[in-house]
Amino acid sequence: MSFESEFDEFLNDVVIREGFASRNDYGETTYSGSEKVIARVVFKPELVVTGASEISNAVREVQSTAKVYMGPEPVWSTLDRITLPDGSQPQILAVYAYPDETSDPSLHHQVVVV
């Protein structure tokens, strides 16, 4: 069994992604249409150091509630909105992208920390 097929078997949850669209003058966010994304949600609290983001230039240490593992598409941002299988919509704290192990710079998978 290849790593790719084993990784795909690991993804047994479904999350909903709504991509960031815009923010109005009052700071209210609008999102693009929603899409279902096959993922693996691992609920495990841990401290995460977040870097400067689109929302804040501050580096901070925060408590995360879960990590969401998924394939390379769609590419996520900390401005997107995620709905977990339990219906909660936690703030996206960080998005980590991992490249393929070959010299090809394509993306292999992503981890969204919430």
PDB file of N, CA and C in Angstrom:
ATOM      1  N   MET A   1       0.843  -1.172   0.000  1.00  0.00           N
ATOM      2  CA  MET A   1       0.000   0.000   0.000  1.00  0.00           C
ATOM      3  C   MET A   1       0.894   1.243   0.000  1.00  0.00           C
ATOM      4  N   SER A   2       0.590   2.195  -0.836  1.00  0.00           N
ATOM      5  CA  SER A   2       1.412   3.399  -0.929  1.00  0.00           C
ATOM      6  C   SER A   2       1.034   4.404   0.153  1.00  0.00           C
ATOM      7  N   PHE A   3       1.936   5.350   0.346  1.00  0.00           N
ATOM      8  CA  PHE A   3       1.684   6.410   1.332  1.00  0.00           C
ATOM      9  C   PHE A   3       0.440   7.198   0.956  1.00  0.00           C
ATOM     10  N   GLU A   4       0.264   7.467  -0.328  1.00  0.00           N
ATOM     11  CA  GLU A   4      -0.888   8.249  -0.785  1.00  0.00           C
ATOM     12  C   GLU A   4      -2.197   7.567  -0.411  1.00  0.00           C
ATOM     13  N   SER A   5      -2.315   6.283  -0.659  1.00  0.00           N
ATOM     14  CA  SER A   5      -3.562   5.583  -0.348  1.00  0.00           C
ATOM     15  C   SER A   5      -3.764   5.478   1.160  1.00  0.00           C
ATOM     16  N   GLU A   6      -2.689   5.295   1.913  1.00  0.00           N
ATOM     17  CA  GLU A   6      -2.806   5.265   3.371  1.00  0.00           C
ATOM     18  C   GLU A   6      -3.218   6.632   3.909  1.00  0.00           C
ATOM     19  N   PHE A   7      -2.676   7.701   3.335  1.00  0.00           N
ATOM     20  CA  PHE A   7      -3.058   9.049   3.778  1.00  0.00           C
ATOM     21  C   PHE A   7      -4.532   9.307   3.483  1.00  0.00           C
ATOM     22  N   ASP A   8      -4.999   8.888   2.309  1.00  0.00           N
ATOM     23  CA  ASP A   8      -6.401   9.075   1.948  1.00  0.00           C
ATOM     24  C   ASP A   8      -7.323   8.306   2.888  1.00  0.00           C
ATOM     25  N   GLU A   9      -6.914   7.125   3.332  1.00  0.00           N
ATOM     26  CA  GLU A   9      -7.718   6.350   4.281  1.00  0.00           C
ATOM     27  C   GLU A   9      -7.779   7.026   5.650  1.00  0.00           C
ATOM     28  N   PHE A  10      -6.775   7.790   5.973  1.00  0.00           N
ATOM     29  CA  PHE A  10      -6.682   8.532   7.231  1.00  0.00           C
ATOM     30  C   PHE A  10      -7.742   9.637   7.289  1.00  0.00           C
ATOM     31  N   LEU A  11      -8.159  10.150   6.128  1.00  0.00           N
ATOM     32  CA  LEU A  11      -9.107  11.263   6.047  1.00  0.00           C
ATOM     33  C   LEU A  11     -10.533  10.718   6.049  1.00  0.00           C
ATOM     34  N   ASN A  12     -11.138  10.653   7.242  1.00  0.00           N
ATOM     35  CA  ASN A  12     -12.460  10.054   7.347  1.00  0.00           C
ATOM     36  C   ASN A  12     -13.517  10.987   7.928  1.00  0.00           C
ATOM     37  N   ASP A  13     -13.248  12.285   7.962  1.00  0.00           N
ATOM     38  CA  ASP A  13     -14.211  13.279   8.431  1.00  0.00           C
ATOM     39  C   ASP A  13     -14.536  14.228   7.281  1.00  0.00           C
ATOM     40  N   VAL A  14     -15.570  15.013   7.469  1.00  0.00           N
ATOM     41  CA  VAL A  14     -15.930  16.047   6.499  1.00  0.00           C
ATOM     42  C   VAL A  14     -16.060  17.362   7.246  1.00  0.00           C
ATOM     43  N   VAL A  15     -15.364  18.390   6.747  1.00  0.00           N
ATOM     44  CA  VAL A  15     -15.499  19.740   7.285  1.00  0.00           C
ATOM     45  C   VAL A  15     -16.046  20.619   6.167  1.00  0.00           C
ATOM     46  N   ILE A  16     -16.567  21.765   6.535  1.00  0.00           N
ATOM     47  CA  ILE A  16     -17.088  22.706   5.542  1.00  0.00           C
ATOM     48  C   ILE A  16     -16.213  23.944   5.552  1.00  0.00           C
ATOM     49  N   ARG A  17     -15.772  24.343   4.378  1.00  0.00           N
ATOM     50  CA  ARG A  17     -14.937  25.539   4.211  1.00  0.00           C
ATOM     51  C   ARG A  17     -15.731  26.617   3.505  1.00  0.00           C
ATOM     52  N   GLU A  18     -15.659  27.819   4.073  1.00  0.00           N
ATOM     53  CA  GLU A  18     -16.198  29.001   3.416  1.00  0.00           C
ATOM     54  C   GLU A  18     -15.022  29.956   3.249  1.00  0.00           C
ATOM     55  N   GLY A  19     -14.657  30.221   2.022  1.00  0.00           N
ATOM     56  CA  GLY A  19     -13.510  31.079   1.748  1.00  0.00           C
ATOM     57  C   GLY A  19     -13.804  32.536   2.035  1.00  0.00           C
ATOM     58  N   PHE A  20     -12.810  33.227   2.561  1.00  0.00           N
ATOM     59  CA  PHE A  20     -12.934  34.662   2.831  1.00  0.00           C
ATOM     60  C   PHE A  20     -13.211  35.392   1.525  1.00  0.00           C
ATOM     61  N   ALA A  21     -14.203  36.298   1.531  1.00  0.00           N
ATOM     62  CA  ALA A  21     -14.519  37.074   0.331  1.00  0.00           C
ATOM     63  C   ALA A  21     -14.146  38.537   0.528  1.00  0.00           C
ATOM     64  N   SER A  22     -14.653  39.155   1.607  1.00  0.00           N
ATOM     65  CA  SER A  22     -14.364  40.572   1.831  1.00  0.00           C
ATOM     66  C   SER A  22     -14.731  40.973   3.252  1.00  0.00           C
ATOM     67  N   ARG A  23     -14.375  42.183   3.589  1.00  0.00           N
ATOM     68  CA  ARG A  23     -14.726  42.769   4.881  1.00  0.00           C
ATOM     69  C   ARG A  23     -15.241  44.176   4.599  1.00  0.00           C
ATOM     70  N   ASN A  24     -16.395  44.524   5.150  1.00  0.00           N
ATOM     71  CA  ASN A  24     -16.958  45.848   4.883  1.00  0.00           C
ATOM     72  C   ASN A  24     -16.381  46.904   5.825  1.00  0.00           C
ATOM     73  N   ASP A  25     -16.863  48.123   5.710  1.00  0.00           N
ATOM     74  CA  ASP A  25     -16.352  49.238   6.525  1.00  0.00           C
ATOM     75  C   ASP A  25     -16.590  49.049   8.019  1.00  0.00           C
ATOM     76  N   TYR A  26     -17.514  48.173   8.371  1.00  0.00           N
ATOM     77  CA  TYR A  26     -17.825  47.924   9.777  1.00  0.00           C
ATOM     78  C   TYR A  26     -17.089  46.702  10.325  1.00  0.00           C
ATOM     79  N   GLY A  27     -16.230  46.104   9.518  1.00  0.00           N
ATOM     80  CA  GLY A  27     -15.464  44.953   9.946  1.00  0.00           C
ATOM     81  C   GLY A  27     -16.190  43.634   9.837  1.00  0.00           C
ATOM     82  N   GLU A  28     -17.387  43.644   9.237  1.00  0.00           N
ATOM     83  CA  GLU A  28     -18.143  42.411   9.073  1.00  0.00           C
ATOM     84  C   GLU A  28     -17.581  41.637   7.885  1.00  0.00           C
ATOM     85  N   THR A  29     -17.390  40.345   8.067  1.00  0.00           N
ATOM     86  CA  THR A  29     -16.782  39.497   7.051  1.00  0.00           C
ATOM     87  C   THR A  29     -17.854  38.811   6.219  1.00  0.00           C
ATOM     88  N   THR A  30     -17.606  38.733   4.927  1.00  0.00           N
ATOM     89  CA  THR A  30     -18.457  37.927   4.053  1.00  0.00           C
ATOM     90  C   THR A  30     -17.611  36.793   3.486  1.00  0.00           C
ATOM     91  N   TYR A  31     -18.272  35.692   3.201  1.00  0.00           N
ATOM     92  CA  TYR A  31     -17.586  34.502   2.723  1.00  0.00           C
ATOM     93  C   TYR A  31     -18.174  34.053   1.391  1.00  0.00           C
ATOM     94  N   SER A  32     -17.352  33.364   0.620  1.00  0.00           N
ATOM     95  CA  SER A  32     -17.829  32.783  -0.632  1.00  0.00           C
ATOM     96  C   SER A  32     -18.647  31.547  -0.305  1.00  0.00           C
ATOM     97  N   GLY A  33     -19.146  30.885  -1.311  1.00  0.00           N
ATOM     98  CA  GLY A  33     -19.955  29.690  -1.092  1.00  0.00           C
ATOM     99  C   GLY A  33     -19.232  28.632  -0.298  1.00  0.00           C
ATOM    100  N   SER A  34     -19.985  27.740   0.293  1.00  0.00           N
ATOM    101  CA  SER A  34     -19.388  26.691   1.117  1.00  0.00           C
ATOM    102  C   SER A  34     -19.073  25.468   0.269  1.00  0.00           C
ATOM    103  N   GLU A  35     -18.069  24.715   0.722  1.00  0.00           N
ATOM    104  CA  GLU A  35     -17.704  23.470   0.060  1.00  0.00           C
ATOM    105  C   GLU A  35     -17.312  22.445   1.110  1.00  0.00           C
ATOM    106  N   LYS A  36     -17.684  21.203   0.862  1.00  0.00           N
ATOM    107  CA  LYS A  36     -17.319  20.105   1.760  1.00  0.00           C
ATOM    108  C   LYS A  36     -15.902  19.666   1.422  1.00  0.00           C
ATOM    109  N   VAL A  37     -15.103  19.430   2.471  1.00  0.00           N
ATOM    110  CA  VAL A  37     -13.715  19.015   2.303  1.00  0.00           C
ATOM    111  C   VAL A  37     -13.496  17.755   3.137  1.00  0.00           C
ATOM    112  N   ILE A  38     -12.950  16.722   2.502  1.00  0.00           N
ATOM    113  CA  ILE A  38     -12.612  15.488   3.209  1.00  0.00           C
ATOM    114  C   ILE A  38     -11.376  15.770   4.064  1.00  0.00           C
ATOM    115  N   ALA A  39     -11.431  15.409   5.339  1.00  0.00           N
ATOM    116  CA  ALA A  39     -10.355  15.760   6.269  1.00  0.00           C
ATOM    117  C   ALA A  39     -10.293  14.746   7.404  1.00  0.00           C
ATOM    118  N   ARG A  40      -9.352  14.983   8.290  1.00  0.00           N
ATOM    119  CA  ARG A  40      -9.246  14.228   9.547  1.00  0.00           C
ATOM    120  C   ARG A  40      -9.159  15.253  10.656  1.00  0.00           C
ATOM    121  N   VAL A  41     -10.091  15.231  11.586  1.00  0.00           N
ATOM    122  CA  VAL A  41     -10.112  16.173  12.697  1.00  0.00           C
ATOM    123  C   VAL A  41      -9.613  15.452  13.937  1.00  0.00           C
ATOM    124  N   VAL A  42      -8.565  16.002  14.541  1.00  0.00           N
ATOM    125  CA  VAL A  42      -7.991  15.428  15.753  1.00  0.00           C
ATOM    126  C   VAL A  42      -8.152  16.458  16.864  1.00  0.00           C
ATOM    127  N   PHE A  43      -9.047  16.162  17.812  1.00  0.00           N
ATOM    128  CA  PHE A  43      -9.280  17.058  18.933  1.00  0.00           C
ATOM    129  C   PHE A  43      -8.239  16.784  20.005  1.00  0.00           C
ATOM    130  N   LYS A  44      -7.293  17.693  20.133  1.00  0.00           N
ATOM    131  CA  LYS A  44      -6.237  17.562  21.134  1.00  0.00           C
ATOM    132  C   LYS A  44      -5.753  18.971  21.463  1.00  0.00           C
ATOM    133  N   PRO A  45      -6.089  19.480  22.638  1.00  0.00           N
ATOM    134  CA  PRO A  45      -5.651  20.827  22.999  1.00  0.00           C
ATOM    135  C   PRO A  45      -4.132  20.916  23.100  1.00  0.00           C
ATOM    136  N   GLU A  46      -3.571  21.980  22.560  1.00  0.00           N
ATOM    137  CA  GLU A  46      -2.142  22.236  22.714  1.00  0.00           C
ATOM    138  C   GLU A  46      -1.863  23.712  22.460  1.00  0.00           C
ATOM    139  N   LEU A  47      -0.740  24.161  23.000  1.00  0.00           N
ATOM    140  CA  LEU A  47      -0.344  25.555  22.793  1.00  0.00           C
ATOM    141  C   LEU A  47       0.250  25.709  21.407  1.00  0.00           C
ATOM    142  N   VAL A  48      -0.147  26.770  20.734  1.00  0.00           N
ATOM    143  CA  VAL A  48       0.318  27.049  19.379  1.00  0.00           C
ATOM    144  C   VAL A  48       0.819  28.482  19.340  1.00  0.00           C
ATOM    145  N   VAL A  49       1.980  28.676  18.737  1.00  0.00           N
ATOM    146  CA  VAL A  49       2.493  30.029  18.539  1.00  0.00           C
ATOM    147  C   VAL A  49       2.055  30.463  17.150  1.00  0.00           C
ATOM    148  N   THR A  50       1.237  31.501  17.109  1.00  0.00           N
ATOM    149  CA  THR A  50       0.769  32.006  15.826  1.00  0.00           C
ATOM    150  C   THR A  50       1.635  33.172  15.406  1.00  0.00           C
ATOM    151  N   GLY A  51       1.955  33.224  14.153  1.00  0.00           N
ATOM    152  CA  GLY A  51       2.742  34.326  13.620  1.00  0.00           C
ATOM    153  C   GLY A  51       1.848  35.471  13.224  1.00  0.00           C
ATOM    154  N   ALA A  52       2.452  36.489  12.644  1.00  0.00           N
ATOM    155  CA  ALA A  52       1.675  37.606  12.132  1.00  0.00           C
ATOM    156  C   ALA A  52       0.717  37.072  11.081  1.00  0.00           C
ATOM    157  N   SER A  53      -0.508  37.544  11.109  1.00  0.00           N
ATOM    158  CA  SER A  53      -1.522  37.053  10.181  1.00  0.00           C
ATOM    159  C   SER A  53      -2.182  38.214   9.469  1.00  0.00           C
ATOM    160  N   GLU A  54      -3.191  37.877   8.672  1.00  0.00           N
ATOM    161  CA  GLU A  54      -3.940  38.910   7.978  1.00  0.00           C
ATOM    162  C   GLU A  54      -4.743  39.755   8.958  1.00  0.00           C
ATOM    163  N   ILE A  55      -5.036  39.196  10.137  1.00  0.00           N
ATOM    164  CA  ILE A  55      -5.853  39.895  11.122  1.00  0.00           C
ATOM    165  C   ILE A  55      -5.001  40.742  12.065  1.00  0.00           C
ATOM    166  N   SER A  56      -3.873  40.221  12.506  1.00  0.00           N
ATOM    167  CA  SER A  56      -3.061  40.900  13.512  1.00  0.00           C
ATOM    168  C   SER A  56      -1.577  40.737  13.201  1.00  0.00           C
ATOM    169  N   ASN A  57      -0.794  41.763  13.496  1.00  0.00           N
ATOM    170  CA  ASN A  57       0.651  41.680  13.309  1.00  0.00           C
ATOM    171  C   ASN A  57       1.350  41.076  14.519  1.00  0.00           C
ATOM    172  N   ALA A  58       0.593  40.792  15.564  1.00  0.00           N
ATOM    173  CA  ALA A  58       1.183  40.298  16.805  1.00  0.00           C
ATOM    174  C   ALA A  58       1.455  38.799  16.729  1.00  0.00           C
ATOM    175  N   VAL A  59       2.562  38.394  17.319  1.00  0.00           N
ATOM    176  CA  VAL A  59       2.855  36.976  17.511  1.00  0.00           C
ATOM    177  C   VAL A  59       2.325  36.629  18.891  1.00  0.00           C
ATOM    178  N   ARG A  60       1.567  35.545  18.983  1.00  0.00           N
ATOM    179  CA  ARG A  60       0.970  35.204  20.271  1.00  0.00           C
ATOM    180  C   ARG A  60       0.938  33.705  20.467  1.00  0.00           C
ATOM    181  N   GLU A  61       0.807  33.311  21.713  1.00  0.00           N
ATOM    182  CA  GLU A  61       0.691  31.906  22.064  1.00  0.00           C
ATOM    183  C   GLU A  61      -0.744  31.672  22.526  1.00  0.00           C
ATOM    184  N   VAL A  62      -1.427  30.745  21.864  1.00  0.00           N
ATOM    185  CA  VAL A  62      -2.833  30.487  22.173  1.00  0.00           C
ATOM    186  C   VAL A  62      -3.080  28.992  22.303  1.00  0.00           C
ATOM    187  N   GLN A  63      -4.186  28.662  22.926  1.00  0.00           N
ATOM    188  CA  GLN A  63      -4.586  27.269  23.103  1.00  0.00           C
ATOM    189  C   GLN A  63      -5.435  26.848  21.909  1.00  0.00           C
ATOM    190  N   SER A  64      -4.998  25.828  21.207  1.00  0.00           N
ATOM    191  CA  SER A  64      -5.813  25.297  20.109  1.00  0.00           C
ATOM    192  C   SER A  64      -6.682  24.172  20.644  1.00  0.00           C
ATOM    193  N   THR A  65      -7.757  23.862  19.908  1.00  0.00           N
ATOM    194  CA  THR A  65      -8.625  22.770  20.321  1.00  0.00           C
ATOM    195  C   THR A  65      -8.477  21.547  19.425  1.00  0.00           C
ATOM    196  N   ALA A  66      -8.065  21.774  18.161  1.00  0.00           N
ATOM    197  CA  ALA A  66      -7.975  20.655  17.228  1.00  0.00           C
ATOM    198  C   ALA A  66      -7.052  20.986  16.066  1.00  0.00           C
ATOM    199  N   LYS A  67      -6.628  19.935  15.380  1.00  0.00           N
ATOM    200  CA  LYS A  67      -5.908  20.064  14.114  1.00  0.00           C
ATOM    201  C   LYS A  67      -6.732  19.344  13.066  1.00  0.00           C
ATOM    202  N   VAL A  68      -6.801  19.940  11.881  1.00  0.00           N
ATOM    203  CA  VAL A  68      -7.563  19.366  10.790  1.00  0.00           C
ATOM    204  C   VAL A  68      -6.588  19.063   9.658  1.00  0.00           C
ATOM    205  N   TYR A  69      -6.426  17.782   9.351  1.00  0.00           N
ATOM    206  CA  TYR A  69      -5.526  17.339   8.289  1.00  0.00           C
ATOM    207  C   TYR A  69      -6.343  17.159   7.019  1.00  0.00           C
ATOM    208  N   MET A  70      -5.812  17.626   5.886  1.00  0.00           N
ATOM    209  CA  MET A  70      -6.527  17.493   4.613  1.00  0.00           C
ATOM    210  C   MET A  70      -5.562  17.516   3.449  1.00  0.00           C
ATOM    211  N   GLY A  71      -6.062  17.207   2.286  1.00  0.00           N
ATOM    212  CA  GLY A  71      -5.250  17.221   1.077  1.00  0.00           C
ATOM    213  C   GLY A  71      -4.871  18.636   0.656  1.00  0.00           C
ATOM    214  N   PRO A  72      -4.269  18.772  -0.518  1.00  0.00           N
ATOM    215  CA  PRO A  72      -3.754  20.055  -0.956  1.00  0.00           C
ATOM    216  C   PRO A  72      -4.799  21.038  -1.464  1.00  0.00           C
ATOM    217  N   GLU A  73      -5.973  20.580  -1.811  1.00  0.00           N
ATOM    218  CA  GLU A  73      -7.001  21.471  -2.355  1.00  0.00           C
ATOM    219  C   GLU A  73      -8.227  21.470  -1.467  1.00  0.00           C
ATOM    220  N   PRO A  74      -8.846  22.594  -1.241  1.00  0.00           N
ATOM    221  CA  PRO A  74      -8.462  23.943  -1.623  1.00  0.00           C
ATOM    222  C   PRO A  74      -7.410  24.486  -0.664  1.00  0.00           C
ATOM    223  N   VAL A  75      -6.665  25.485  -1.098  1.00  0.00           N
ATOM    224  CA  VAL A  75      -5.666  26.123  -0.239  1.00  0.00           C
ATOM    225  C   VAL A  75      -6.403  27.006   0.763  1.00  0.00           C
ATOM    226  N   TRP A  76      -6.086  26.835   2.044  1.00  0.00           N
ATOM    227  CA  TRP A  76      -6.778  27.545   3.121  1.00  0.00           C
ATOM    228  C   TRP A  76      -6.033  28.802   3.544  1.00  0.00           C
ATOM    229  N   SER A  77      -6.752  29.678   4.235  1.00  0.00           N
ATOM    230  CA  SER A  77      -6.211  30.910   4.811  1.00  0.00           C
ATOM    231  C   SER A  77      -6.769  31.042   6.223  1.00  0.00           C
ATOM    232  N   THR A  78      -6.098  31.797   7.067  1.00  0.00           N
ATOM    233  CA  THR A  78      -6.611  32.038   8.416  1.00  0.00           C
ATOM    234  C   THR A  78      -7.864  32.918   8.395  1.00  0.00           C
ATOM    235  N   LEU A  79      -8.181  33.518   7.266  1.00  0.00           N
ATOM    236  CA  LEU A  79      -9.393  34.336   7.146  1.00  0.00           C
ATOM    237  C   LEU A  79     -10.626  33.517   6.764  1.00  0.00           C
ATOM    238  N   ASP A  80     -10.422  32.271   6.339  1.00  0.00           N
ATOM    239  CA  ASP A  80     -11.542  31.415   5.959  1.00  0.00           C
ATOM    240  C   ASP A  80     -12.338  31.016   7.193  1.00  0.00           C
ATOM    241  N   ARG A  81     -13.532  30.468   6.957  1.00  0.00           N
ATOM    242  CA  ARG A  81     -14.352  29.956   8.057  1.00  0.00           C
ATOM    243  C   ARG A  81     -14.480  28.445   7.885  1.00  0.00           C
ATOM    244  N   ILE A  82     -14.341  27.726   9.005  1.00  0.00           N
ATOM    245  CA  ILE A  82     -14.426  26.262   8.985  1.00  0.00           C
ATOM    246  C   ILE A  82     -15.557  25.831   9.908  1.00  0.00           C
ATOM    247  N   THR A  83     -16.289  24.819   9.463  1.00  0.00           N
ATOM    248  CA  THR A  83     -17.303  24.189  10.298  1.00  0.00           C
ATOM    249  C   THR A  83     -16.867  22.741  10.505  1.00  0.00           C
ATOM    250  N   LEU A  84     -16.647  22.380  11.756  1.00  0.00           N
ATOM    251  CA  LEU A  84     -16.191  21.035  12.105  1.00  0.00           C
ATOM    252  C   LEU A  84     -17.371  20.067  12.117  1.00  0.00           C
ATOM    253  N   PRO A  85     -17.114  18.749  12.132  1.00  0.00           N
ATOM    254  CA  PRO A  85     -18.212  17.764  12.123  1.00  0.00           C
ATOM    255  C   PRO A  85     -19.203  17.920  13.282  1.00  0.00           C
ATOM    256  N   ASP A  86     -18.759  18.483  14.406  1.00  0.00           N
ATOM    257  CA  ASP A  86     -19.674  18.676  15.537  1.00  0.00           C
ATOM    258  C   ASP A  86     -20.511  19.946  15.409  1.00  0.00           C
ATOM    259  N   GLY A  87     -20.342  20.705  14.296  1.00  0.00           N
ATOM    260  CA  GLY A  87     -21.119  21.920  14.057  1.00  0.00           C
ATOM    261  C   GLY A  87     -20.469  23.192  14.554  1.00  0.00           C
ATOM    262  N   SER A  88     -19.360  23.079  15.289  1.00  0.00           N
ATOM    263  CA  SER A  88     -18.689  24.277  15.803  1.00  0.00           C
ATOM    264  C   SER A  88     -17.931  24.987  14.684  1.00  0.00           C
ATOM    265  N   GLN A  89     -17.732  26.295  14.858  1.00  0.00           N
ATOM    266  CA  GLN A  89     -16.997  27.108  13.891  1.00  0.00           C
ATOM    267  C   GLN A  89     -15.882  27.874  14.615  1.00  0.00           C
ATOM    268  N   PRO A  90     -14.819  27.168  15.009  1.00  0.00           N
ATOM    269  CA  PRO A  90     -13.731  27.837  15.726  1.00  0.00           C
ATOM    270  C   PRO A  90     -12.914  28.724  14.792  1.00  0.00           C
ATOM    271  N   GLN A  91     -12.203  29.663  15.385  1.00  0.00           N
ATOM    272  CA  GLN A  91     -11.316  30.540  14.606  1.00  0.00           C
ATOM    273  C   GLN A  91     -10.129  29.726  14.107  1.00  0.00           C
ATOM    274  N   ILE A  92      -9.716  29.985  12.870  1.00  0.00           N
ATOM    275  CA  ILE A  92      -8.532  29.328  12.324  1.00  0.00           C
ATOM    276  C   ILE A  92      -7.315  30.079  12.840  1.00  0.00           C
ATOM    277  N   LEU A  93      -6.472  29.401  13.598  1.00  0.00           N
ATOM    278  CA  LEU A  93      -5.302  30.029  14.209  1.00  0.00           C
ATOM    279  C   LEU A  93      -4.090  30.004  13.296  1.00  0.00           C
ATOM    280  N   ALA A  94      -3.923  28.928  12.543  1.00  0.00           N
ATOM    281  CA  ALA A  94      -2.764  28.784  11.657  1.00  0.00           C
ATOM    282  C   ALA A  94      -3.076  27.765  10.576  1.00  0.00           C
ATOM    283  N   VAL A  95      -2.382  27.913   9.450  1.00  0.00           N
ATOM    284  CA  VAL A  95      -2.486  26.953   8.351  1.00  0.00           C
ATOM    285  C   VAL A  95      -1.068  26.576   7.958  1.00  0.00           C
ATOM    286  N   TYR A  96      -0.779  25.280   7.993  1.00  0.00           N
ATOM    287  CA  TYR A  96       0.548  24.791   7.609  1.00  0.00           C
ATOM    288  C   TYR A  96       0.416  23.975   6.328  1.00  0.00           C
ATOM    289  N   ALA A  97       1.258  24.263   5.362  1.00  0.00           N
ATOM    290  CA  ALA A  97       1.254  23.549   4.094  1.00  0.00           C
ATOM    291  C   ALA A  97       2.528  22.722   3.991  1.00  0.00           C
ATOM    292  N   TYR A  98       2.387  21.469   3.608  1.00  0.00           N
ATOM    293  CA  TYR A  98       3.521  20.560   3.517  1.00  0.00           C
ATOM    294  C   TYR A  98       3.714  20.119   2.075  1.00  0.00           C
ATOM    295  N   PRO A  99       4.922  20.310   1.533  1.00  0.00           N
ATOM    296  CA  PRO A  99       5.176  19.941   0.135  1.00  0.00           C
ATOM    297  C   PRO A  99       5.351  18.441  -0.023  1.00  0.00           C
ATOM    298  N   ASP A 100       5.306  18.024  -1.273  1.00  0.00           N
ATOM    299  CA  ASP A 100       5.572  16.635  -1.630  1.00  0.00           C
ATOM    300  C   ASP A 100       7.034  16.339  -1.320  1.00  0.00           C
ATOM    301  N   GLU A 101       7.366  15.078  -1.074  1.00  0.00           N
ATOM    302  CA  GLU A 101       8.757  14.716  -0.745  1.00  0.00           C
ATOM    303  C   GLU A 101       9.664  14.702  -1.970  1.00  0.00           C
ATOM    304  N   THR A 102       9.118  14.789  -3.151  1.00  0.00           N
ATOM    305  CA  THR A 102       9.932  14.829  -4.357  1.00  0.00           C
ATOM    306  C   THR A 102      10.428  16.251  -4.596  1.00  0.00           C
ATOM    307  N   SER A 103      11.206  16.436  -5.634  1.00  0.00           N
ATOM    308  CA  SER A 103      11.705  17.777  -5.942  1.00  0.00           C
ATOM    309  C   SER A 103      10.612  18.663  -6.517  1.00  0.00           C
ATOM    310  N   ASP A 104       9.484  18.056  -6.876  1.00  0.00           N
ATOM    311  CA  ASP A 104       8.354  18.829  -7.374  1.00  0.00           C
ATOM    312  C   ASP A 104       7.803  19.677  -6.229  1.00  0.00           C
ATOM    313  N   PRO A 105       7.653  20.977  -6.414  1.00  0.00           N
ATOM    314  CA  PRO A 105       7.212  21.835  -5.304  1.00  0.00           C
ATOM    315  C   PRO A 105       5.716  21.774  -5.023  1.00  0.00           C
ATOM    316  N   SER A 106       5.025  20.774  -5.541  1.00  0.00           N
ATOM    317  CA  SER A 106       3.585  20.729  -5.324  1.00  0.00           C
ATOM    318  C   SER A 106       3.254  20.430  -3.858  1.00  0.00           C
ATOM    319  N   LEU A 107       2.103  20.852  -3.465  1.00  0.00           N
ATOM    320  CA  LEU A 107       1.640  20.699  -2.099  1.00  0.00           C
ATOM    321  C   LEU A 107       1.116  19.277  -1.898  1.00  0.00           C
ATOM    322  N   HIS A 108       1.495  18.652  -0.779  1.00  0.00           N
ATOM    323  CA  HIS A 108       1.018  17.305  -0.483  1.00  0.00           C
ATOM    324  C   HIS A 108      -0.221  17.337   0.405  1.00  0.00           C
ATOM    325  N   HIS A 109      -0.120  18.070   1.528  1.00  0.00           N
ATOM    326  CA  HIS A 109      -1.271  18.185   2.423  1.00  0.00           C
ATOM    327  C   HIS A 109      -1.164  19.455   3.264  1.00  0.00           C
ATOM    328  N   GLN A 110      -2.256  19.766   3.940  1.00  0.00           N
ATOM    329  CA  GLN A 110      -2.318  20.944   4.799  1.00  0.00           C
ATOM    330  C   GLN A 110      -2.811  20.535   6.179  1.00  0.00           C
ATOM    331  N   VAL A 111      -2.424  21.337   7.173  1.00  0.00           N
ATOM    332  CA  VAL A 111      -2.931  21.159   8.524  1.00  0.00           C
ATOM    333  C   VAL A 111      -3.481  22.524   8.960  1.00  0.00           C
ATOM    334  N   VAL A 112      -4.764  22.544   9.289  1.00  0.00           N
ATOM    335  CA  VAL A 112      -5.413  23.763   9.764  1.00  0.00           C
ATOM    336  C   VAL A 112      -5.550  23.618  11.269  1.00  0.00           C
ATOM    337  N   VAL A 113      -5.015  24.584  11.998  1.00  0.00           N
ATOM    338  CA  VAL A 113      -5.072  24.552  13.470  1.00  0.00           C
ATOM    339  C   VAL A 113      -6.175  25.481  13.922  1.00  0.00           C
ATOM    340  N   VAL A 114      -7.111  24.922  14.735  1.00  0.00           N
ATOM    341  CA  VAL A 114      -8.239  25.711  15.241  1.00  0.00           C
ATOM    342  C   VAL A 114      -8.292  25.667  16.752  1.00  0.00           C
TER     343      VAL A 114
END
